[in-house]
């Protein structure tokens, strides 16, 4: 996200990050945040008796975690542990990434 186009919950997160760290979040920061939040969401789905078995059941439930950035939901199933996410086609225009097409499947 870019500061001049970010909205909603993403803007709140963006502004809080910038205030705390004094710079805009990078792509790596966003990946890290999504990884932690995805884990936390599935751990919460596993319930109070969190262990390997309950966490796996939560992962394989087919329920998906939707991040604040608008990406496709992160979900798994008993047959799919790869977390396939549809691809996007982007292009740099005027120094910024611009989304041209999303939800591309291969």
Protein backbone atom coordinates (compact mmCIF):
# COMPACT_ATOMS: atom_id res chain seq x y z
CA UNK A 1 0.00 0.00 0.00
CA UNK A 2 1.03 3.56 -0.65
CA UNK A 3 0.31 6.34 1.83
CA UNK A 4 -1.65 8.41 -0.69
CA UNK A 5 -3.99 5.56 -1.70
CA UNK A 6 -4.37 3.39 1.40
CA UNK A 7 -7.85 3.25 3.02
CA UNK A 8 -9.86 1.70 5.85
CA UNK A 9 -8.25 -0.80 8.24
CA UNK A 10 -5.13 -0.86 6.07
CA UNK A 11 -4.73 2.92 6.55
CA UNK A 12 -5.10 2.57 10.32
CA UNK A 13 -2.41 -0.12 10.34
CA UNK A 14 -0.20 1.89 7.95
CA UNK A 15 -0.45 5.05 10.08
CA UNK A 16 0.26 3.15 13.33
CA UNK A 17 3.30 1.48 11.77
CA UNK A 18 4.65 4.78 10.46
CA UNK A 19 4.11 6.47 13.83
CA UNK A 20 5.88 3.68 15.72
CA UNK A 21 8.81 3.12 13.37
CA UNK A 22 9.16 6.47 11.57
CA UNK A 23 8.96 5.01 8.08
CA UNK A 24 6.46 3.42 5.70
CA UNK A 25 6.06 -0.36 5.91
CA UNK A 26 7.97 -2.31 3.27
CA UNK A 27 6.78 -5.36 1.36
CA UNK A 28 8.76 -7.54 3.79
CA UNK A 29 6.98 -5.93 6.75
CA UNK A 30 3.61 -6.69 5.15
CA UNK A 31 4.59 -10.33 4.51
CA UNK A 32 5.77 -10.68 8.10
CA UNK A 33 2.61 -9.08 9.47
CA UNK A 34 0.43 -11.35 7.33
CA UNK A 35 2.35 -14.42 8.45
CA UNK A 36 1.93 -13.62 12.14
CA UNK A 37 -1.72 -12.62 11.78
CA UNK A 38 -2.52 -15.75 9.75
CA UNK A 39 -0.93 -17.96 12.40
CA UNK A 40 -2.80 -16.11 15.16
CA UNK A 41 -6.13 -16.46 13.34
CA UNK A 42 -5.73 -20.22 12.81
CA UNK A 43 -4.50 -20.65 16.40
CA UNK A 44 -7.64 -18.86 17.59
CA UNK A 45 -9.76 -21.18 15.44
CA UNK A 46 -8.06 -24.13 17.14
CA UNK A 47 -9.44 -22.95 20.49
CA UNK A 48 -8.12 -22.92 24.03
CA UNK A 49 -6.68 -26.43 23.77
CA UNK A 50 -4.13 -25.36 21.16
CA UNK A 51 -1.81 -28.17 20.16
CA UNK A 52 -0.55 -29.68 16.92
CA UNK A 53 -3.72 -31.70 16.35
CA UNK A 54 -6.17 -28.85 16.97
CA UNK A 55 -4.07 -26.44 14.92
CA UNK A 56 -3.99 -28.86 11.99
CA UNK A 57 -7.76 -29.30 12.25
CA UNK A 58 -8.18 -25.52 12.14
CA UNK A 59 -5.89 -25.27 9.11
CA UNK A 60 -7.68 -28.06 7.27
CA UNK A 61 -11.16 -26.77 8.11
CA UNK A 62 -11.42 -24.88 4.82
CA UNK A 63 -12.11 -21.63 6.66
CA UNK A 64 -9.94 -18.85 5.35
CA UNK A 65 -8.18 -15.93 6.98
CA UNK A 66 -8.84 -12.62 5.22
CA UNK A 67 -6.08 -10.07 5.73
CA UNK A 68 -6.57 -6.31 5.86
CA UNK A 69 -4.81 -5.80 2.51
CA UNK A 70 -7.56 -7.29 0.35
CA UNK A 71 -5.65 -10.33 -0.86
CA UNK A 72 -7.41 -13.62 -1.52
CA UNK A 73 -8.25 -15.48 1.73
CA UNK A 74 -5.53 -17.77 3.07
CA UNK A 75 -7.03 -21.22 3.42
CA UNK A 76 -6.03 -24.84 3.41
CA UNK A 77 -7.81 -28.19 3.22
CA UNK A 78 -6.96 -31.82 4.00
CA UNK A 79 -5.85 -32.15 0.36
CA UNK A 80 -4.11 -28.79 0.01
CA UNK A 81 -1.39 -27.66 2.40
CA UNK A 82 0.27 -25.37 -0.16
CA UNK A 83 -1.97 -22.33 0.33
CA UNK A 84 -2.34 -21.58 -3.35
CA UNK A 85 -3.08 -17.91 -3.77
CA UNK A 86 -4.18 -16.46 -7.11
CA UNK A 87 -1.49 -14.39 -8.77
CA UNK A 88 -1.61 -10.74 -9.73
CA UNK A 89 -0.19 -8.89 -12.68
CA UNK A 90 1.31 -5.55 -11.71
CA UNK A 91 3.34 -2.91 -13.49
CA UNK A 92 5.43 -0.01 -12.24
CA UNK A 93 3.90 3.27 -13.41
CA UNK A 94 5.31 6.62 -12.28
CA UNK A 95 7.45 4.84 -9.66
CA UNK A 96 4.57 2.87 -8.07
CA UNK A 97 3.24 -0.64 -8.48
CA UNK A 98 -0.14 -0.57 -10.20
CA UNK A 99 -2.48 -3.58 -10.22
CA UNK A 100 -3.45 -4.52 -13.77
CA UNK A 101 -5.17 -7.89 -13.18
CA UNK A 102 -5.86 -9.99 -10.09
CA UNK A 103 -7.10 -13.47 -9.23
CA UNK A 104 -5.08 -15.12 -11.98
CA UNK A 105 -4.98 -18.91 -11.68
CA UNK A 106 -2.50 -21.23 -13.31
